[in-house]
Amino acid sequence: MSISARYNSISTDDVQTPGLETPYSRFPNVNHSAINGKDLDISAIVTKRQQQLDAVLHEISGLETIMDSVRNLHQQLVDKKEKITRYMNLHKRLVSALWCIPNEVLA
């Protein structure tokens, strides 16, 4: 897959932030655990947020793997460019006018 195809397959539209607001998040300094029967609701919210966090951490890990691959590919291409440039310059020197002058004249 080409680099542009890989780039086009990644879209910021794919990143969606879930709604994180709850009735409890509006007043974070209140002890909501004292509210009767709400402990299970709060525990469920925390569990759900942990699952969302785990999913995001997994996506970040995958993205870091892709970024490492891109950095590696970039370095390989830079090395290839330098090698091509080096060989091109070597061959340019071979066709230089100085190489056409006999050694006796140069001496």
PDB file of N, CA and C in Angstrom:
ATOM      1  N   MET A   1       0.857  -1.170   0.000  1.00  0.00           N
ATOM      2  CA  MET A   1       0.000   0.000   0.000  1.00  0.00           C
ATOM      3  C   MET A   1       0.902   1.232   0.000  1.00  0.00           C
ATOM      4  N   SER A   2       0.607   2.204  -0.838  1.00  0.00           N
ATOM      5  CA  SER A   2       1.417   3.407  -0.914  1.00  0.00           C
ATOM      6  C   SER A   2       1.207   4.269   0.325  1.00  0.00           C
ATOM      7  N   ILE A   3       2.141   5.191   0.523  1.00  0.00           N
ATOM      8  CA  ILE A   3       2.060   6.067   1.688  1.00  0.00           C
ATOM      9  C   ILE A   3       0.801   6.909   1.634  1.00  0.00           C
ATOM     10  N   SER A   4       0.487   7.450   0.443  1.00  0.00           N
ATOM     11  CA  SER A   4      -0.712   8.296   0.343  1.00  0.00           C
ATOM     12  C   SER A   4      -1.979   7.484   0.597  1.00  0.00           C
ATOM     13  N   ALA A   5      -2.001   6.237   0.167  1.00  0.00           N
ATOM     14  CA  ALA A   5      -3.167   5.391   0.424  1.00  0.00           C
ATOM     15  C   ALA A   5      -3.314   5.115   1.918  1.00  0.00           C
ATOM     16  N   ARG A   6      -2.182   4.885   2.583  1.00  0.00           N
ATOM     17  CA  ARG A   6      -2.233   4.670   4.028  1.00  0.00           C
ATOM     18  C   ARG A   6      -2.716   5.926   4.736  1.00  0.00           C
ATOM     19  N   TYR A   7      -2.209   7.085   4.299  1.00  0.00           N
ATOM     20  CA  TYR A   7      -2.615   8.354   4.916  1.00  0.00           C
ATOM     21  C   TYR A   7      -4.098   8.594   4.717  1.00  0.00           C
ATOM     22  N   ASN A   8      -4.583   8.319   3.500  1.00  0.00           N
ATOM     23  CA  ASN A   8      -5.995   8.555   3.209  1.00  0.00           C
ATOM     24  C   ASN A   8      -6.908   7.614   3.978  1.00  0.00           C
ATOM     25  N   SER A   9      -6.382   6.461   4.387  1.00  0.00           N
ATOM     26  CA  SER A   9      -7.218   5.512   5.131  1.00  0.00           C
ATOM     27  C   SER A   9      -7.356   5.914   6.596  1.00  0.00           C
ATOM     28  N   ILE A  10      -6.507   6.839   7.044  1.00  0.00           N
ATOM     29  CA  ILE A  10      -6.571   7.324   8.421  1.00  0.00           C
ATOM     30  C   ILE A  10      -7.313   8.651   8.403  1.00  0.00           C
ATOM     31  N   SER A  11      -8.357   8.730   9.174  1.00  0.00           N
ATOM     32  CA  SER A  11      -9.170   9.939   9.183  1.00  0.00           C
ATOM     33  C   SER A  11      -9.423  10.391  10.603  1.00  0.00           C
ATOM     34  N   THR A  12      -9.352  11.700  10.828  1.00  0.00           N
ATOM     35  CA  THR A  12      -9.656  12.206  12.164  1.00  0.00           C
ATOM     36  C   THR A  12     -11.135  12.047  12.471  1.00  0.00           C
ATOM     37  N   ASP A  13     -11.966  11.823  11.442  1.00  0.00           N
ATOM     38  CA  ASP A  13     -13.385  11.581  11.676  1.00  0.00           C
ATOM     39  C   ASP A  13     -13.611  10.261  12.403  1.00  0.00           C
ATOM     40  N   ASP A  14     -12.610   9.360  12.310  1.00  0.00           N
ATOM     41  CA  ASP A  14     -12.725   8.062  12.973  1.00  0.00           C
ATOM     42  C   ASP A  14     -12.601   8.186  14.493  1.00  0.00           C
ATOM     43  N   VAL A  15     -12.005   9.279  14.959  1.00  0.00           N
ATOM     44  CA  VAL A  15     -11.805   9.484  16.391  1.00  0.00           C
ATOM     45  C   VAL A  15     -13.047  10.161  16.955  1.00  0.00           C
ATOM     46  N   GLN A  16     -13.757   9.436  17.785  1.00  0.00           N
ATOM     47  CA  GLN A  16     -14.974   9.963  18.378  1.00  0.00           C
ATOM     48  C   GLN A  16     -14.834   9.939  19.887  1.00  0.00           C
ATOM     49  N   THR A  17     -15.135  11.052  20.500  1.00  0.00           N
ATOM     50  CA  THR A  17     -15.093  11.129  21.954  1.00  0.00           C
ATOM     51  C   THR A  17     -16.481  10.809  22.481  1.00  0.00           C
ATOM     52  N   PRO A  18     -16.565   9.794  23.316  1.00  0.00           N
ATOM     53  CA  PRO A  18     -17.881   9.435  23.851  1.00  0.00           C
ATOM     54  C   PRO A  18     -18.374  10.512  24.802  1.00  0.00           C
ATOM     55  N   GLY A  19     -19.674  10.587  24.967  1.00  0.00           N
ATOM     56  CA  GLY A  19     -20.240  11.506  25.945  1.00  0.00           C
ATOM     57  C   GLY A  19     -19.845  11.056  27.336  1.00  0.00           C
ATOM     58  N   LEU A  20     -19.154  11.892  28.052  1.00  0.00           N
ATOM     59  CA  LEU A  20     -18.637  11.503  29.364  1.00  0.00           C
ATOM     60  C   LEU A  20     -19.426  12.108  30.519  1.00  0.00           C
ATOM     61  N   GLU A  21     -20.343  12.988  30.207  1.00  0.00           N
ATOM     62  CA  GLU A  21     -21.121  13.647  31.256  1.00  0.00           C
ATOM     63  C   GLU A  21     -22.101  12.666  31.910  1.00  0.00           C
ATOM     64  N   THR A  22     -22.190  12.778  33.209  1.00  0.00           N
ATOM     65  CA  THR A  22     -23.180  12.027  33.990  1.00  0.00           C
ATOM     66  C   THR A  22     -23.803  13.008  34.972  1.00  0.00           C
ATOM     67  N   PRO A  23     -24.888  12.632  35.608  1.00  0.00           N
ATOM     68  CA  PRO A  23     -25.467  13.524  36.632  1.00  0.00           C
ATOM     69  C   PRO A  23     -24.473  13.808  37.755  1.00  0.00           C
ATOM     70  N   TYR A  24     -23.523  12.897  37.952  1.00  0.00           N
ATOM     71  CA  TYR A  24     -22.573  13.035  39.051  1.00  0.00           C
ATOM     72  C   TYR A  24     -21.396  13.929  38.682  1.00  0.00           C
ATOM     73  N   SER A  25     -21.084  14.049  37.408  1.00  0.00           N
ATOM     74  CA  SER A  25     -19.903  14.818  37.017  1.00  0.00           C
ATOM     75  C   SER A  25     -20.112  16.320  37.101  1.00  0.00           C
ATOM     76  N   ARG A  26     -21.346  16.757  37.213  1.00  0.00           N
ATOM     77  CA  ARG A  26     -21.610  18.196  37.323  1.00  0.00           C
ATOM     78  C   ARG A  26     -21.219  18.746  38.685  1.00  0.00           C
ATOM     79  N   PHE A  27     -21.219  17.876  39.686  1.00  0.00           N
ATOM     80  CA  PHE A  27     -20.884  18.288  41.048  1.00  0.00           C
ATOM     81  C   PHE A  27     -19.826  17.325  41.592  1.00  0.00           C
ATOM     82  N   PRO A  28     -18.585  17.464  41.145  1.00  0.00           N
ATOM     83  CA  PRO A  28     -17.567  16.465  41.502  1.00  0.00           C
ATOM     84  C   PRO A  28     -17.165  16.465  42.968  1.00  0.00           C
ATOM     85  N   ASN A  29     -17.406  17.531  43.694  1.00  0.00           N
ATOM     86  CA  ASN A  29     -16.966  17.603  45.091  1.00  0.00           C
ATOM     87  C   ASN A  29     -18.008  17.100  46.087  1.00  0.00           C
ATOM     88  N   VAL A  30     -19.128  16.611  45.598  1.00  0.00           N
ATOM     89  CA  VAL A  30     -20.183  16.085  46.465  1.00  0.00           C
ATOM     90  C   VAL A  30     -19.947  14.593  46.648  1.00  0.00           C
ATOM     91  N   ASN A  31     -20.166  14.102  47.833  1.00  0.00           N
ATOM     92  CA  ASN A  31     -20.022  12.681  48.117  1.00  0.00           C
ATOM     93  C   ASN A  31     -21.269  11.954  47.611  1.00  0.00           C
ATOM     94  N   HIS A  32     -21.219  11.500  46.375  1.00  0.00           N
ATOM     95  CA  HIS A  32     -22.368  10.839  45.772  1.00  0.00           C
ATOM     96  C   HIS A  32     -22.571   9.416  46.290  1.00  0.00           C
ATOM     97  N   SER A  33     -21.541   8.856  46.879  1.00  0.00           N
ATOM     98  CA  SER A  33     -21.697   7.486  47.381  1.00  0.00           C
ATOM     99  C   SER A  33     -22.674   7.434  48.558  1.00  0.00           C
ATOM    100  N   ALA A  34     -22.938   8.570  49.178  1.00  0.00           N
ATOM    101  CA  ALA A  34     -23.879   8.598  50.296  1.00  0.00           C
ATOM    102  C   ALA A  34     -25.324   8.548  49.813  1.00  0.00           C
ATOM    103  N   ILE A  35     -25.537   8.721  48.514  1.00  0.00           N
ATOM    104  CA  ILE A  35     -26.894   8.681  47.972  1.00  0.00           C
ATOM    105  C   ILE A  35     -27.331   7.222  47.914  1.00  0.00           C
ATOM    106  N   ASN A  36     -28.443   6.910  48.552  1.00  0.00           N
ATOM    107  CA  ASN A  36     -28.925   5.522  48.625  1.00  0.00           C
ATOM    108  C   ASN A  36     -29.199   4.944  47.244  1.00  0.00           C
ATOM    109  N   GLY A  37     -28.706   3.734  47.036  1.00  0.00           N
ATOM    110  CA  GLY A  37     -28.999   3.011  45.804  1.00  0.00           C
ATOM    111  C   GLY A  37     -28.218   3.472  44.588  1.00  0.00           C
ATOM    112  N   LYS A  38     -27.382   4.453  44.745  1.00  0.00           N
ATOM    113  CA  LYS A  38     -26.653   4.988  43.599  1.00  0.00           C
ATOM    114  C   LYS A  38     -25.240   4.419  43.486  1.00  0.00           C
ATOM    115  N   ASP A  39     -24.795   3.676  44.489  1.00  0.00           N
ATOM    116  CA  ASP A  39     -23.448   3.112  44.454  1.00  0.00           C
ATOM    117  C   ASP A  39     -23.236   2.234  43.227  1.00  0.00           C
ATOM    118  N   LEU A  40     -24.238   1.433  42.884  1.00  0.00           N
ATOM    119  CA  LEU A  40     -24.118   0.552  41.730  1.00  0.00           C
ATOM    120  C   LEU A  40     -24.059   1.350  40.431  1.00  0.00           C
ATOM    121  N   ASP A  41     -24.823   2.451  40.367  1.00  0.00           N
ATOM    122  CA  ASP A  41     -24.784   3.294  39.181  1.00  0.00           C
ATOM    123  C   ASP A  41     -23.394   3.887  38.980  1.00  0.00           C
ATOM    124  N   ILE A  42     -22.815   4.370  40.072  1.00  0.00           N
ATOM    125  CA  ILE A  42     -21.489   4.971  39.993  1.00  0.00           C
ATOM    126  C   ILE A  42     -20.447   3.927  39.629  1.00  0.00           C
ATOM    127  N   SER A  43     -20.557   2.749  40.205  1.00  0.00           N
ATOM    128  CA  SER A  43     -19.621   1.670  39.875  1.00  0.00           C
ATOM    129  C   SER A  43     -19.732   1.292  38.402  1.00  0.00           C
ATOM    130  N   ALA A  44     -20.948   1.266  37.883  1.00  0.00           N
ATOM    131  CA  ALA A  44     -21.150   0.944  36.463  1.00  0.00           C
ATOM    132  C   ALA A  44     -20.526   2.021  35.579  1.00  0.00           C
ATOM    133  N   ILE A  45     -20.648   3.280  35.994  1.00  0.00           N
ATOM    134  CA  ILE A  45     -20.052   4.376  35.226  1.00  0.00           C
ATOM    135  C   ILE A  45     -18.532   4.239  35.227  1.00  0.00           C
ATOM    136  N   VAL A  46     -17.959   3.961  36.377  1.00  0.00           N
ATOM    137  CA  VAL A  46     -16.509   3.809  36.466  1.00  0.00           C
ATOM    138  C   VAL A  46     -16.038   2.628  35.616  1.00  0.00           C
ATOM    139  N   THR A  47     -16.778   1.515  35.678  1.00  0.00           N
ATOM    140  CA  THR A  47     -16.431   0.348  34.867  1.00  0.00           C
ATOM    141  C   THR A  47     -16.483   0.684  33.382  1.00  0.00           C
ATOM    142  N   LYS A  48     -17.527   1.390  32.971  1.00  0.00           N
ATOM    143  CA  LYS A  48     -17.657   1.768  31.565  1.00  0.00           C
ATOM    144  C   LYS A  48     -16.516   2.691  31.142  1.00  0.00           C
ATOM    145  N   ARG A  49     -16.167   3.659  31.983  1.00  0.00           N
ATOM    146  CA  ARG A  49     -15.064   4.569  31.664  1.00  0.00           C
ATOM    147  C   ARG A  49     -13.741   3.818  31.578  1.00  0.00           C
ATOM    148  N   GLN A  50     -13.563   2.824  32.435  1.00  0.00           N
ATOM    149  CA  GLN A  50     -12.336   2.023  32.379  1.00  0.00           C
ATOM    150  C   GLN A  50     -12.254   1.257  31.067  1.00  0.00           C
ATOM    151  N   GLN A  51     -13.385   0.718  30.616  1.00  0.00           N
ATOM    152  CA  GLN A  51     -13.422   0.019  29.332  1.00  0.00           C
ATOM    153  C   GLN A  51     -13.105   0.976  28.183  1.00  0.00           C
ATOM    154  N   GLN A  52     -13.662   2.194  28.255  1.00  0.00           N
ATOM    155  CA  GLN A  52     -13.371   3.185  27.225  1.00  0.00           C
ATOM    156  C   GLN A  52     -11.897   3.565  27.241  1.00  0.00           C
ATOM    157  N   LEU A  53     -11.346   3.729  28.435  1.00  0.00           N
ATOM    158  CA  LEU A  53      -9.925   4.056  28.564  1.00  0.00           C
ATOM    159  C   LEU A  53      -9.058   2.939  27.999  1.00  0.00           C
ATOM    160  N   ASP A  54      -9.394   1.687  28.326  1.00  0.00           N
ATOM    161  CA  ASP A  54      -8.642   0.544  27.805  1.00  0.00           C
ATOM    162  C   ASP A  54      -8.672   0.515  26.278  1.00  0.00           C
ATOM    163  N   ALA A  55      -9.844   0.812  25.694  1.00  0.00           N
ATOM    164  CA  ALA A  55      -9.964   0.827  24.238  1.00  0.00           C
ATOM    165  C   ALA A  55      -9.109   1.927  23.629  1.00  0.00           C
ATOM    166  N   VAL A  56      -9.109   3.097  24.249  1.00  0.00           N
ATOM    167  CA  VAL A  56      -8.295   4.208  23.741  1.00  0.00           C
ATOM    168  C   VAL A  56      -6.813   3.886  23.869  1.00  0.00           C
ATOM    169  N   LEU A  57      -6.399   3.307  24.992  1.00  0.00           N
ATOM    170  CA  LEU A  57      -5.001   2.918  25.172  1.00  0.00           C
ATOM    171  C   LEU A  57      -4.575   1.899  24.127  1.00  0.00           C
ATOM    172  N   HIS A  58      -5.476   0.986  23.785  1.00  0.00           N
ATOM    173  CA  HIS A  58      -5.190  -0.006  22.743  1.00  0.00           C
ATOM    174  C   HIS A  58      -5.008   0.683  21.392  1.00  0.00           C
ATOM    175  N   GLU A  59      -5.868   1.651  21.083  1.00  0.00           N
ATOM    176  CA  GLU A  59      -5.750   2.397  19.832  1.00  0.00           C
ATOM    177  C   GLU A  59      -4.457   3.200  19.793  1.00  0.00           C
ATOM    178  N   ILE A  60      -4.094   3.809  20.912  1.00  0.00           N
ATOM    179  CA  ILE A  60      -2.838   4.569  20.978  1.00  0.00           C
ATOM    180  C   ILE A  60      -1.654   3.649  20.719  1.00  0.00           C
ATOM    181  N   SER A  61      -1.682   2.470  21.319  1.00  0.00           N
ATOM    182  CA  SER A  61      -0.606   1.505  21.114  1.00  0.00           C
ATOM    183  C   SER A  61      -0.488   1.119  19.641  1.00  0.00           C
ATOM    184  N   GLY A  62      -1.628   0.877  19.012  1.00  0.00           N
ATOM    185  CA  GLY A  62      -1.618   0.543  17.583  1.00  0.00           C
ATOM    186  C   GLY A  62      -1.087   1.687  16.740  1.00  0.00           C
ATOM    187  N   LEU A  63      -1.471   2.905  17.097  1.00  0.00           N
ATOM    188  CA  LEU A  63      -1.001   4.075  16.360  1.00  0.00           C
ATOM    189  C   LEU A  63       0.498   4.265  16.546  1.00  0.00           C
ATOM    190  N   GLU A  64       0.997   4.027  17.751  1.00  0.00           N
ATOM    191  CA  GLU A  64       2.438   4.132  17.986  1.00  0.00           C
ATOM    192  C   GLU A  64       3.199   3.105  17.152  1.00  0.00           C
ATOM    193  N   THR A  65       2.637   1.917  16.986  1.00  0.00           N
ATOM    194  CA  THR A  65       3.254   0.900  16.140  1.00  0.00           C
ATOM    195  C   THR A  65       3.321   1.382  14.697  1.00  0.00           C
ATOM    196  N   ILE A  66       2.232   1.977  14.221  1.00  0.00           N
ATOM    197  CA  ILE A  66       2.197   2.503  12.861  1.00  0.00           C
ATOM    198  C   ILE A  66       3.216   3.637  12.713  1.00  0.00           C
ATOM    199  N   MET A  67       3.275   4.513  13.720  1.00  0.00           N
ATOM    200  CA  MET A  67       4.219   5.633  13.654  1.00  0.00           C
ATOM    201  C   MET A  67       5.663   5.133  13.622  1.00  0.00           C
ATOM    202  N   ASP A  68       5.967   4.099  14.385  1.00  0.00           N
ATOM    203  CA  ASP A  68       7.305   3.512  14.350  1.00  0.00           C
ATOM    204  C   ASP A  68       7.602   2.959  12.959  1.00  0.00           C
ATOM    205  N   SER A  69       6.618   2.319  12.349  1.00  0.00           N
ATOM    206  CA  SER A  69       6.793   1.787  10.996  1.00  0.00           C
ATOM    207  C   SER A  69       7.031   2.907   9.995  1.00  0.00           C
ATOM    208  N   VAL A  70       6.297   3.998  10.152  1.00  0.00           N
ATOM    209  CA  VAL A  70       6.469   5.144   9.248  1.00  0.00           C
ATOM    210  C   VAL A  70       7.855   5.752   9.429  1.00  0.00           C
ATOM    211  N   ARG A  71       8.295   5.902  10.689  1.00  0.00           N
ATOM    212  CA  ARG A  71       9.651   6.434  10.933  1.00  0.00           C
ATOM    213  C   ARG A  71      10.706   5.529  10.305  1.00  0.00           C
ATOM    214  N   ASN A  72      10.526   4.216  10.429  1.00  0.00           N
ATOM    215  CA  ASN A  72      11.462   3.258   9.850  1.00  0.00           C
ATOM    216  C   ASN A  72      11.460   3.373   8.324  1.00  0.00           C
ATOM    217  N   LEU A  73      10.283   3.443   7.734  1.00  0.00           N
ATOM    218  CA  LEU A  73      10.172   3.591   6.283  1.00  0.00           C
ATOM    219  C   LEU A  73      10.803   4.901   5.837  1.00  0.00           C
ATOM    220  N   HIS A  74      10.564   5.975   6.584  1.00  0.00           N
ATOM    221  CA  HIS A  74      11.158   7.272   6.256  1.00  0.00           C
ATOM    222  C   HIS A  74      12.682   7.179   6.254  1.00  0.00           C
ATOM    223  N   GLN A  75      13.250   6.537   7.275  1.00  0.00           N
ATOM    224  CA  GLN A  75      14.704   6.412   7.353  1.00  0.00           C
ATOM    225  C   GLN A  75      15.244   5.584   6.192  1.00  0.00           C
ATOM    226  N   GLN A  76      14.539   4.523   5.831  1.00  0.00           N
ATOM    227  CA  GLN A  76      14.975   3.711   4.692  1.00  0.00           C
ATOM    228  C   GLN A  76      14.973   4.531   3.408  1.00  0.00           C
ATOM    229  N   LEU A  77      13.942   5.357   3.222  1.00  0.00           N
ATOM    230  CA  LEU A  77      13.870   6.187   2.019  1.00  0.00           C
ATOM    231  C   LEU A  77      14.946   7.266   2.015  1.00  0.00           C
ATOM    232  N   VAL A  78      15.236   7.850   3.174  1.00  0.00           N
ATOM    233  CA  VAL A  78      16.312   8.846   3.260  1.00  0.00           C
ATOM    234  C   VAL A  78      17.649   8.189   2.924  1.00  0.00           C
ATOM    235  N   ASP A  79      17.892   7.002   3.458  1.00  0.00           N
ATOM    236  CA  ASP A  79      19.129   6.271   3.146  1.00  0.00           C
ATOM    237  C   ASP A  79      19.219   5.968   1.650  1.00  0.00           C
ATOM    238  N   LYS A  80      18.114   5.547   1.067  1.00  0.00           N
ATOM    239  CA  LYS A  80      18.077   5.237  -0.364  1.00  0.00           C
ATOM    240  C   LYS A  80      18.363   6.490  -1.189  1.00  0.00           C
ATOM    241  N   LYS A  81      17.766   7.615  -0.807  1.00  0.00           N
ATOM    242  CA  LYS A  81      17.992   8.888  -1.514  1.00  0.00           C
ATOM    243  C   LYS A  81      19.460   9.283  -1.447  1.00  0.00           C
ATOM    244  N   GLU A  82      20.068   9.156  -0.268  1.00  0.00           N
ATOM    245  CA  GLU A  82      21.483   9.506  -0.113  1.00  0.00           C
ATOM    246  C   GLU A  82      22.376   8.607  -0.959  1.00  0.00           C
ATOM    247  N   LYS A  83      22.048   7.323  -1.008  1.00  0.00           N
ATOM    248  CA  LYS A  83      22.838   6.386  -1.808  1.00  0.00           C
ATOM    249  C   LYS A  83      22.715   6.723  -3.293  1.00  0.00           C
ATOM    250  N   ILE A  84      21.505   7.003  -3.748  1.00  0.00           N
ATOM    251  CA  ILE A  84      21.297   7.365  -5.156  1.00  0.00           C
ATOM    252  C   ILE A  84      22.048   8.649  -5.481  1.00  0.00           C
ATOM    253  N   THR A  85      21.970   9.637  -4.593  1.00  0.00           N
ATOM    254  CA  THR A  85      22.665  10.914  -4.809  1.00  0.00           C
ATOM    255  C   THR A  85      24.170  10.697  -4.861  1.00  0.00           C
ATOM    256  N   ARG A  86      24.686   9.872  -3.970  1.00  0.00           N
ATOM    257  CA  ARG A  86      26.125   9.591  -3.950  1.00  0.00           C
ATOM    258  C   ARG A  86      26.578   8.952  -5.260  1.00  0.00           C
ATOM    259  N   TYR A  87      25.838   7.953  -5.748  1.00  0.00           N
ATOM    260  CA  TYR A  87      26.209   7.288  -7.003  1.00  0.00           C
ATOM    261  C   TYR A  87      26.031   8.224  -8.197  1.00  0.00           C
ATOM    262  N   MET A  88      25.009   9.056  -8.146  1.00  0.00           N
ATOM    263  CA  MET A  88      24.784  10.000  -9.231  1.00  0.00           C
ATOM    264  C   MET A  88      25.946  10.992  -9.311  1.00  0.00           C
ATOM    265  N   ASN A  89      26.369  11.515  -8.166  1.00  0.00           N
ATOM    266  CA  ASN A  89      27.490  12.450  -8.153  1.00  0.00           C
ATOM    267  C   ASN A  89      28.787  11.786  -8.601  1.00  0.00           C
ATOM    268  N   LEU A  90      28.992  10.540  -8.220  1.00  0.00           N
ATOM    269  CA  LEU A  90      30.163   9.789  -8.659  1.00  0.00           C
ATOM    270  C   LEU A  90      30.201   9.703 -10.182  1.00  0.00           C
ATOM    271  N   HIS A  91      29.078   9.380 -10.776  1.00  0.00           N
ATOM    272  CA  HIS A  91      29.031   9.233 -12.227  1.00  0.00           C
ATOM    273  C   HIS A  91      29.095  10.583 -12.940  1.00  0.00           C
ATOM    274  N   LYS A  92      28.595  11.618 -12.323  1.00  0.00           N
ATOM    275  CA  LYS A  92      28.722  12.961 -12.907  1.00  0.00           C
ATOM    276  C   LYS A  92      30.186  13.371 -12.992  1.00  0.00           C
ATOM    277  N   ARG A  93      30.951  13.005 -11.953  1.00  0.00           N
ATOM    278  CA  ARG A  93      32.384  13.342 -11.973  1.00  0.00           C
ATOM    279  C   ARG A  93      33.109  12.595 -13.079  1.00  0.00           C
ATOM    280  N   LEU A  94      32.638  11.403 -13.406  1.00  0.00           N
ATOM    281  CA  LEU A  94      33.299  10.613 -14.448  1.00  0.00           C
ATOM    282  C   LEU A  94      33.158  11.247 -15.833  1.00  0.00           C
ATOM    283  N   VAL A  95      32.094  12.001 -16.044  1.00  0.00           N
ATOM    284  CA  VAL A  95      31.914  12.642 -17.351  1.00  0.00           C
ATOM    285  C   VAL A  95      32.420  14.081 -17.340  1.00  0.00           C
ATOM    286  N   SER A  96      33.067  14.482 -16.255  1.00  0.00           N
ATOM    287  CA  SER A  96      33.614  15.828 -16.156  1.00  0.00           C
ATOM    288  C   SER A  96      34.675  16.042 -17.227  1.00  0.00           C
ATOM    289  N   ALA A  97      34.845  17.285 -17.655  1.00  0.00           N
ATOM    290  CA  ALA A  97      35.828  17.631 -18.695  1.00  0.00           C
ATOM    291  C   ALA A  97      37.257  17.326 -18.240  1.00  0.00           C
ATOM    292  N   LEU A  98      37.512  17.340 -16.955  1.00  0.00           N
ATOM    293  CA  LEU A  98      38.864  17.045 -16.459  1.00  0.00           C
ATOM    294  C   LEU A  98      39.307  15.625 -16.813  1.00  0.00           C
ATOM    295  N   TRP A  99      38.371  14.690 -16.852  1.00  0.00           N
ATOM    296  CA  TRP A  99      38.710  13.305 -17.174  1.00  0.00           C
ATOM    297  C   TRP A  99      39.099  13.150 -18.641  1.00  0.00           C
ATOM    298  N   CYS A 100      38.722  14.125 -19.468  1.00  0.00           N
ATOM    299  CA  CYS A 100      39.046  14.065 -20.899  1.00  0.00           C
ATOM    300  C   CYS A 100      40.452  14.592 -21.180  1.00  0.00           C
ATOM    301  N   ILE A 101      41.020  15.301 -20.238  1.00  0.00           N
ATOM    302  CA  ILE A 101      42.358  15.864 -20.436  1.00  0.00           C
ATOM    303  C   ILE A 101      43.391  14.770 -20.168  1.00  0.00           C
ATOM    304  N   PRO A 102      44.323  14.586 -21.074  1.00  0.00           N
ATOM    305  CA  PRO A 102      45.372  13.555 -20.872  1.00  0.00           C
ATOM    306  C   PRO A 102      46.182  13.828 -19.601  1.00  0.00           C
ATOM    307  N   ASN A 103      46.670  12.760 -19.011  1.00  0.00           N
ATOM    308  CA  ASN A 103      47.469  12.864 -17.777  1.00  0.00           C
ATOM    309  C   ASN A 103      48.703  13.735 -17.980  1.00  0.00           C
ATOM    310  N   GLU A 104      49.309  13.653 -19.164  1.00  0.00           N
ATOM    311  CA  GLU A 104      50.518  14.426 -19.442  1.00  0.00           C
ATOM    312  C   GLU A 104      50.241  15.927 -19.341  1.00  0.00           C
ATOM    313  N   VAL A 105      49.065  16.343 -19.844  1.00  0.00           N
ATOM    314  CA  VAL A 105      48.696  17.751 -19.794  1.00  0.00           C
ATOM    315  C   VAL A 105      48.443  18.187 -18.356  1.00  0.00           C
ATOM    316  N   LEU A 106      47.799  17.320 -17.606  1.00  0.00           N
ATOM    317  CA  LEU A 106      47.509  17.642 -16.220  1.00  0.00           C
ATOM    318  C   LEU A 106      48.787  17.729 -15.390  1.00  0.00           C
ATOM    319  N   ALA A 107      49.793  16.907 -15.723  1.00  0.00           N
ATOM    320  CA  ALA A 107      51.053  16.895 -14.978  1.00  0.00           C
ATOM    321  C   ALA A 107      51.816  18.150 -15.312  1.00  0.00           C
TER     322      ALA A 107
END
